[in-house]
Protein backbone atom coordinates (compact mmCIF):
# COMPACT_ATOMS: atom_id res chain seq x y z
CA MET A 1 94.25 52.79 -54.93
CA GLN A 2 93.75 51.21 -58.54
CA ALA A 3 94.19 54.71 -60.00
CA ILE A 4 97.28 55.37 -58.31
CA ARG A 5 98.89 52.12 -59.16
CA GLU A 6 97.78 52.68 -62.97
CA ALA A 7 99.25 56.34 -62.77
CA GLN A 8 102.65 54.84 -61.48
CA GLN A 9 102.72 51.93 -64.26
CA ASN A 10 102.11 54.77 -66.79
CA GLU A 11 105.18 56.77 -65.54
CA TYR A 12 107.22 53.58 -66.07
CA LEU A 13 105.81 52.84 -69.46
CA LYS A 14 106.00 56.06 -70.81
CA TYR A 15 109.95 56.02 -70.03
CA PHE A 16 110.32 52.50 -71.64
CA GLU A 17 108.59 53.74 -74.70
CA THR A 18 109.94 57.27 -75.20
CA ASP A 19 113.23 57.97 -73.17
CA PRO A 20 116.43 58.11 -75.19
CA ALA A 21 118.33 56.18 -72.68
CA ARG A 22 115.84 53.31 -72.26
CA PHE A 23 116.63 49.75 -73.02
CA HIS A 24 115.26 48.02 -76.17
CA PHE A 25 113.85 44.57 -75.65
CA PRO A 26 113.19 41.67 -77.97
CA GLY A 27 109.43 41.94 -78.57
CA GLY A 28 109.34 44.81 -76.17
CA ASP A 29 109.55 42.37 -73.03
CA VAL A 30 110.96 44.19 -70.39
CA THR A 31 110.49 41.05 -68.16
CA LEU A 32 113.47 39.82 -69.71
CA PHE A 33 115.63 41.63 -66.98
CA ASP A 34 113.27 40.02 -64.08
CA LYS A 35 115.87 36.92 -63.70
CA LEU A 36 119.02 39.28 -63.75
CA PHE A 37 117.39 41.24 -61.06
CA SER A 38 116.59 38.29 -58.87
CA GLU A 39 120.18 37.04 -59.25
CA LEU A 40 121.50 40.49 -58.34
CA ASP A 41 119.16 40.57 -55.05
CA ALA A 42 120.67 37.02 -54.27
CA ALA A 43 124.27 37.96 -55.10
CA MET A 44 125.46 38.00 -51.33
CA GLU A 45 124.23 34.52 -50.87
CA LYS A 46 125.19 33.18 -54.46
CA PRO A 47 128.14 35.17 -55.73
CA MET A 48 127.66 36.23 -59.74
CA ARG A 49 129.82 37.59 -62.29
CA ILE A 50 129.54 40.32 -65.07
CA VAL A 51 131.49 40.30 -68.27
CA HIS A 52 132.05 43.58 -70.28
CA TYR A 53 133.58 43.04 -73.42
CA GLY A 54 134.34 46.24 -75.65
CA ASP A 55 136.64 48.10 -78.08
CA SER A 56 138.54 51.08 -77.02
CA GLN A 57 135.77 52.92 -75.36
CA ILE A 58 136.03 50.84 -72.28
CA GLU A 59 139.95 50.73 -72.01
CA GLU A 60 141.57 51.39 -68.74
CA ASP A 61 138.55 50.33 -67.24
CA ARG A 62 136.41 53.34 -68.48
CA VAL A 63 132.78 52.88 -68.23
CA THR A 64 133.06 49.59 -66.68
CA SER A 65 134.54 50.98 -63.59
CA THR A 66 131.46 52.98 -63.03
CA ILE A 67 128.94 50.15 -63.83
CA ARG A 68 131.19 47.88 -61.39
CA ALA A 69 130.99 50.56 -58.55
CA PHE A 70 127.29 50.85 -58.91
CA PHE A 71 126.56 47.14 -58.66
CA GLN A 72 128.93 46.23 -55.98
CA LYS A 73 127.72 49.45 -53.76
CA ARG A 74 124.07 48.31 -54.53
CA PHE A 75 124.55 44.42 -54.19
CA GLY A 76 127.58 43.59 -52.47
CA GLY A 77 131.01 42.50 -53.79
CA GLY A 78 134.49 43.91 -54.61
CA GLY A 79 137.76 43.71 -56.66
CA PRO A 80 138.57 44.53 -60.22
CA GLY A 81 137.78 41.10 -61.70
CA LEU A 82 139.95 39.82 -64.51
CA VAL A 83 143.14 41.54 -65.29
CA PRO A 84 146.12 40.64 -67.54
CA VAL A 85 149.81 40.12 -66.92
CA GLN A 86 151.51 43.11 -68.06
CA LYS A 87 154.84 44.84 -67.28
CA LYS A 88 152.79 47.93 -66.39
CA TYR A 89 148.95 47.71 -66.59
CA PHE A 90 146.83 50.77 -65.68
CA SER A 91 143.37 50.88 -64.98
CA TYR A 92 140.99 53.10 -62.92
CA SER A 93 140.45 50.31 -60.42
CA ILE A 94 143.95 48.89 -59.71
CA GLY A 95 147.47 49.46 -60.31
CA GLU A 96 149.58 46.39 -61.44
CA SER A 97 153.34 45.87 -62.33
CA SER A 98 155.14 42.81 -63.16
CA SER A 99 159.09 41.97 -62.87
CA THR A 100 158.96 40.64 -66.99
CA THR A 101 157.20 41.69 -70.09
CA PRO A 102 155.57 38.33 -71.13
CA ARG A 103 154.98 37.83 -74.88
CA LYS A 104 151.32 39.18 -75.51
CA TYR A 105 148.96 37.19 -78.09
CA ILE A 106 145.46 38.31 -78.77
CA VAL A 107 142.48 36.90 -80.77
CA TYR A 108 141.99 40.41 -82.61
CA GLY A 109 143.91 42.81 -84.21
CA PRO A 110 147.07 42.44 -86.31
CA SER A 111 147.60 38.91 -87.60
CA ASP A 112 151.23 38.77 -86.02
CA MET A 113 149.70 38.93 -82.69
CA ARG A 114 148.13 35.61 -83.16
CA ALA A 115 149.41 32.30 -81.04
CA GLY A 116 148.43 30.02 -83.71
CA VAL A 117 145.93 28.33 -81.29
CA ASN A 118 142.08 29.03 -80.45
CA THR A 119 142.70 28.80 -76.69
CA TYR A 120 143.27 32.44 -75.72
CA GLY A 121 141.02 31.97 -72.65
CA PRO A 122 138.21 34.18 -71.55
CA ALA A 123 139.52 37.38 -72.45
CA GLY A 124 140.73 36.52 -75.96
CA ARG A 125 144.23 37.15 -74.82
CA ILE A 126 147.44 35.28 -73.67
CA ASP A 127 150.19 36.35 -71.79
CA ARG A 128 153.01 33.61 -72.26
CA ILE A 129 155.79 33.35 -69.64
CA ASP A 130 158.97 31.70 -69.98
CA SER A 131 160.70 32.76 -66.73
CA VAL A 132 159.62 33.78 -63.27
CA THR A 133 157.63 36.63 -63.11
CA ALA A 134 156.42 38.34 -60.05
CA VAL A 135 152.99 40.34 -60.38
CA THR A 136 152.25 42.93 -58.04
CA PHE A 137 148.95 44.64 -57.55
CA TYR A 138 148.52 47.99 -55.45
CA PRO A 139 145.63 50.24 -54.70
CA VAL A 140 145.01 53.52 -57.23
CA LYS A 141 144.77 56.63 -55.02
CA SER A 142 141.59 58.01 -56.40
CA ASN A 143 139.63 54.59 -56.15
CA GLU A 144 137.52 54.57 -53.26
CA ALA A 145 134.91 52.07 -54.70
CA PRO A 146 134.37 48.42 -53.72
CA SER A 147 136.69 47.39 -56.26
CA ARG A 148 139.76 48.59 -54.44
CA TYR A 149 139.29 45.72 -51.92
CA PHE A 150 139.30 42.09 -52.56
CA ASN A 151 139.87 38.60 -50.37
CA ARG A 152 140.40 36.09 -53.49
CA LEU A 153 143.12 35.86 -56.10
CA THR A 154 142.90 33.20 -58.83
CA VAL A 155 145.40 32.45 -61.76
CA LEU A 156 144.14 31.07 -64.93
CA SER A 157 146.59 29.07 -66.92
CA GLY A 158 147.06 26.82 -69.54
CA ASN A 159 149.18 25.31 -72.43
CA LEU A 160 151.64 24.45 -69.67
CA ARG A 161 154.93 23.18 -71.28
CA SER A 162 156.32 22.69 -67.93
CA PRO A 163 154.83 22.25 -64.51
CA LEU A 164 153.95 25.92 -63.37
CA SER A 165 154.85 27.19 -59.76
CA VAL A 166 152.24 29.88 -58.29
CA SER A 167 153.23 31.41 -55.06
CA MET A 168 152.02 34.13 -52.59
CA GLY A 169 154.60 34.38 -49.81
CA LYS A 170 155.08 30.78 -48.44
CA ASP A 171 151.87 29.59 -49.92
CA LYS A 172 153.50 27.64 -53.10
CA ARG A 173 151.08 25.52 -55.40
CA SER A 174 152.37 23.33 -58.16
CA VAL A 175 150.30 23.09 -61.41
CA GLU A 176 151.15 20.14 -63.52
CA ALA A 177 151.88 20.32 -67.29
CA GLY A 178 148.71 20.09 -69.44
CA SER A 179 146.31 21.71 -71.85
CA ASN A 180 143.43 22.47 -70.04
CA VAL A 181 142.55 25.76 -68.12
CA ASN A 182 143.84 25.67 -64.44
CA ARG A 183 142.59 27.56 -61.84
CA THR A 184 144.68 28.38 -58.77
CA VAL A 185 142.96 29.93 -56.22
CA PHE A 186 144.22 31.75 -53.09
CA ASN A 187 142.22 33.21 -50.17
CA LEU A 188 143.30 36.45 -48.68
CA ALA A 189 142.44 38.74 -45.91
CA ASP A 190 139.24 40.81 -46.18
CA SER A 191 139.81 44.01 -47.76
CA THR A 192 143.26 43.24 -49.23
CA THR A 193 144.31 45.82 -51.42
CA ARG A 194 147.90 45.15 -52.22
CA THR A 195 149.42 41.60 -52.93
CA THR A 196 152.12 39.78 -55.04
CA VAL A 197 151.95 36.60 -57.00
CA THR A 198 155.11 34.95 -58.23
CA LEU A 199 154.79 32.58 -61.51
CA ALA A 200 157.34 30.28 -62.37
CA GLY A 201 157.50 28.11 -65.47
CA HIS A 202 156.42 27.80 -69.06
CA ALA A 203 152.81 28.55 -69.48
CA ASP A 204 149.99 30.77 -70.79
CA ILE A 205 148.28 33.10 -68.45
CA TYR A 206 145.05 33.84 -69.31
CA GLY A 207 144.57 36.43 -66.46
CA ILE A 208 144.59 36.73 -62.55
CA MET A 209 141.04 37.42 -61.38
CA LEU A 210 141.04 39.74 -58.15
CA ASP A 211 137.50 39.27 -56.36
CA CYS A 212 135.50 38.95 -53.13
CA ASP A 213 133.85 35.65 -52.22
CA LYS A 214 130.40 37.24 -52.02
CA GLY A 215 128.46 39.58 -54.12
CA VAL A 216 129.18 40.88 -57.74
CA SER A 217 132.29 40.58 -59.41
CA MET A 218 132.76 42.46 -62.95
CA ASP A 219 135.47 42.00 -65.62
CA ASN A 220 136.48 44.64 -68.00
CA VAL A 221 137.72 43.14 -71.34
CA ALA A 222 138.72 45.77 -73.86
CA MET A 223 139.70 44.92 -77.38
CA ARG A 224 141.27 47.96 -79.08
CA GLY A 225 140.25 47.83 -82.73
CA CYS A 226 137.80 45.15 -82.48
CA SER A 227 134.36 45.04 -84.14
CA GLY A 228 132.99 42.28 -81.95
CA SER A 229 133.13 39.55 -84.61
CA ILE A 230 135.84 37.39 -82.96
CA PHE A 231 134.26 35.57 -80.23
CA THR A 232 133.60 32.17 -82.75
CA SER A 233 137.50 32.34 -82.85
CA ILE A 234 137.80 31.71 -79.08
CA ASN A 235 137.62 28.22 -77.85
CA ALA A 236 134.11 27.12 -76.66
CA GLU A 237 135.02 24.95 -73.90
CA GLN A 238 137.31 27.64 -72.25
CA LEU A 239 134.45 30.20 -72.59
CA ARG A 240 131.77 27.78 -71.44
CA ASP A 241 134.06 26.71 -68.45
CA TYR A 242 134.69 30.49 -67.32
CA TYR A 243 130.96 31.42 -67.69
CA ARG A 244 129.90 28.25 -65.71
CA GLN A 245 132.57 28.31 -62.88
CA GLY A 246 132.17 32.15 -62.37
CA ASN A 247 128.26 31.93 -62.55
CA VAL A 248 128.52 34.71 -65.28
CA ARG A 249 124.81 36.07 -65.33
CA LEU A 250 125.30 39.17 -67.37
CA ILE A 251 127.50 39.73 -70.60
CA ILE A 252 127.74 43.01 -71.70
CA LEU A 253 129.08 43.53 -75.57
CA GLN A 254 130.05 47.07 -76.63
CA TYR A 255 131.07 47.21 -80.04
CA GLY A 256 130.22 49.20 -83.58
CA GLY A 257 132.47 52.12 -83.33
CA ASN A 258 135.33 50.75 -85.18
CA THR A 259 132.97 49.80 -88.28
CA VAL A 260 131.34 53.13 -88.63
CA PRO A 261 134.03 54.86 -90.72
CA TYR A 262 134.24 51.91 -92.97
CA LEU A 263 130.37 50.92 -93.50
CA LYS A 264 129.28 52.97 -96.33
CA THR A 265 126.76 50.66 -98.07
CA ASP A 266 123.50 48.97 -97.03
CA LYS A 267 125.06 45.51 -97.88
CA GLY A 268 128.16 46.30 -95.80
CA ILE A 269 125.90 47.26 -92.84
CA SER A 270 123.63 44.21 -93.42
CA ASP A 271 126.91 41.80 -93.52
CA TYR A 272 128.07 43.40 -90.21
CA LYS A 273 124.68 42.96 -88.63
CA GLY A 274 124.78 39.15 -89.59
CA LYS A 275 128.32 38.81 -88.11
CA ILE A 276 126.96 39.97 -84.61
CA VAL A 277 123.89 37.86 -84.69
CA LYS A 278 126.17 35.00 -85.18
CA GLN A 279 128.58 36.16 -82.32
CA ILE A 280 125.59 36.61 -79.97
CA ASN A 281 124.08 33.27 -80.52
CA TYR A 282 127.56 31.57 -79.96
CA LEU A 283 127.90 33.21 -76.68
CA LYS A 284 124.39 32.31 -75.54
CA GLY A 285 124.98 28.80 -76.54
CA LEU A 286 128.02 28.70 -74.03
CA ALA A 287 126.38 31.01 -71.33
CA PRO A 288 122.68 29.93 -71.50
CA ASP A 289 121.79 31.20 -67.74
CA ALA A 290 123.17 34.83 -68.71
CA THR A 291 121.25 37.84 -69.96
CA PHE A 292 122.86 39.50 -72.70
CA ILE A 293 123.03 43.36 -73.38
CA PHE A 294 124.59 44.86 -76.37
CA ILE A 295 125.84 48.60 -76.34
CA GLY A 296 125.74 50.42 -79.73
CA PRO A 297 128.35 52.85 -80.46
CA SER A 298 128.21 56.49 -79.55
CA ASP A 299 128.08 59.48 -81.80
CA MET A 300 131.06 59.76 -83.80
CA SER A 301 132.14 62.92 -85.85
CA THR A 302 133.98 63.41 -89.24
CA ASN A 303 134.95 66.63 -91.14
CA ILE A 304 131.86 67.30 -93.74
CA GLN A 305 132.32 70.45 -95.57
CA GLY A 306 134.54 71.92 -92.65
CA ARG A 307 132.43 71.03 -89.95
CA MET A 308 132.52 67.93 -87.54
CA GLN A 309 129.41 66.12 -88.13
CA THR A 310 128.03 62.82 -87.35
CA TYR A 311 129.03 59.92 -89.91
CA PRO A 312 126.34 59.68 -92.41
CA LYS A 313 125.85 56.10 -91.94
CA LEU A 314 126.15 55.92 -88.19
CA PRO A 315 122.39 56.29 -87.39
CA ALA A 316 121.70 53.22 -89.90
CA ILE A 317 124.58 51.45 -88.14
CA VAL A 318 123.01 51.90 -84.76
CA ASP A 319 119.57 50.83 -85.94
CA SER A 320 120.97 47.63 -87.82
CA LEU A 321 122.78 46.59 -84.35
CA ARG A 322 119.69 47.02 -82.53
CA SER A 323 117.73 44.68 -84.82
CA ALA A 324 120.73 42.34 -84.60
CA ALA A 325 120.65 42.36 -80.81
CA ASN A 326 116.97 41.73 -80.24
CA GLU A 327 116.88 39.39 -83.29
CA ALA A 328 119.58 37.10 -81.38
CA GLY A 329 117.55 37.54 -77.94
CA ALA A 330 119.84 40.26 -76.50
CA VAL A 331 118.82 43.57 -75.00
CA PHE A 332 120.06 46.80 -76.76
CA TRP A 333 121.24 50.09 -75.16
CA ASP A 334 121.28 52.95 -77.60
CA MET A 335 124.44 54.79 -76.46
CA TYR A 336 124.21 57.10 -79.62
CA SER A 337 120.61 58.37 -78.38
CA ALA A 338 121.70 58.63 -74.67
CA MET A 339 124.13 61.21 -75.31
CA GLY A 340 122.15 63.12 -77.54
CA GLY A 341 122.00 61.70 -81.04
CA GLU A 342 122.86 63.30 -84.11
CA ASN A 343 125.84 65.79 -83.97
CA SER A 344 125.79 65.42 -80.17
CA MET A 345 129.83 64.50 -79.98
CA PRO A 346 130.73 68.03 -80.77
CA LYS A 347 129.05 69.32 -77.51
CA TRP A 348 130.50 66.42 -75.52
CA VAL A 349 134.05 67.58 -76.93
CA LYS A 350 133.53 71.23 -76.18
CA ALA A 351 131.84 70.81 -72.53
CA SER A 352 133.72 72.29 -69.82
CA PRO A 353 135.33 70.07 -68.49
CA SER A 354 135.38 68.03 -71.81
CA LEU A 355 133.43 64.89 -71.90
CA ALA A 356 135.23 63.56 -75.26
CA GLY A 357 138.51 63.75 -76.78
CA GLY A 358 139.58 65.81 -79.77
CA ASP A 359 139.51 62.88 -81.80
CA TYR A 360 135.48 63.33 -81.54
CA VAL A 361 135.47 59.45 -80.94
CA HIS A 362 136.59 58.52 -77.44
CA PHE A 363 135.31 59.73 -74.17
CA THR A 364 137.36 61.08 -71.67
CA PRO A 365 137.42 59.59 -68.15
CA ARG A 366 134.55 62.15 -67.06
CA GLY A 367 132.64 61.19 -70.18
CA ALA A 368 133.02 57.54 -69.83
CA GLU A 369 131.68 58.04 -66.18
CA ASN A 370 128.71 59.97 -67.38
CA MET A 371 127.92 57.00 -70.03
CA GLY A 372 128.03 54.67 -67.20
CA ASN A 373 125.92 56.40 -64.65
CA MET A 374 123.28 56.90 -67.53
CA PHE A 375 123.51 53.21 -68.10
CA CYS A 376 123.10 52.23 -64.65
CA GLU A 377 120.29 55.06 -63.89
CA SER A 378 118.43 53.42 -66.61
CA MET A 379 118.61 50.02 -65.57
CA MET A 380 117.58 50.81 -62.08
CA LEU A 381 114.27 52.33 -63.28
CA TYR A 382 113.76 48.71 -64.80
CA TYR A 383 114.77 47.29 -61.54
CA GLU A 384 112.46 49.74 -59.60
CA TYR A 385 109.51 48.46 -62.02
CA TYR A 386 110.38 45.13 -61.32
CA LYS A 387 110.14 45.49 -57.51
CA TRP A 388 106.94 47.54 -58.06
CA ARG A 389 105.31 44.53 -59.89
CA LYS A 390 106.29 42.14 -57.49
CA GLU A 391 104.86 44.22 -54.80
CA ASN A 392 101.75 44.86 -56.73
CA GLU A 393 101.17 41.20 -57.83
CA GLU A 394 101.29 39.89 -53.97
């Protein structure tokens, strides 16, 4: 029996040490996932939240939707999580439309998109309403995952310049003017897929949460063009409050791709590493109970002597980000290696059907799904090892 256990353990350890899709832990300590796995197992009794921040690789809920579906099927829960207020917002999990187009402000990107405040809410984004705005959510035909269904809607608002009226049908609430983040919660019928909430007043809306009251919720927070160095510009109290009230137990940061074309010196790479360490430490201070995972950039191609090849500095950037994550106490997942490493992007572009777009940077929906599945399959090997250790320690 001892020999069998040793053989089983060696199989796990071989994967953890050599597989391109493995996770990289500070000090090589795979038990850093134990707390997270325990919380996932208990999610039906004590609901928990995951927040996935990233750049344009996760726009439209790509990658996130696959991870969310996996966790919700395995550990319970439903709903697409936090979504913005927009005239027309599309994700692969839910459809949304609004009767007006609120003015959008973001903490990243062009300077003319700033609001002149640091209260951008948990998604680094404000939708500012100054009239009556009806927001309707409806199911996406292709989505049959648990995220299709929800039984709780929460409006996050702040910077009220007048009382805010929030209503669903005959159920009307009044939020008094003030600067704090307000949570207006509506409990809905189980398996709700379609609903409308009406907002009337002058306020900043930080997002609308569509969740279930049990299991796992997961937010997709995509920041196009962002390098991940902006979190220290978001109000600490707003972030801390969101992480605490939502019982956020996993924060995924997926950045680095936007820096690849511009980081051409060792100093530039080192400076970027320092910025990422600072951001992770800032967020860890606000969410001390959360596990942090940093996902590095994918392979990206540029034209070198007439051939699409890996950016010369990309492997060094990946190595630097792995070091940054581990130095800050975060786990690192190497997307570049997981997809095949150097010059793998052209293979993804030329696959049939294509897994990446003609820009040799972004995944297609199918490619994003593949990456999400690789991430989940790898994580579940660590989960199985966690279960195996518990059984063999008893």
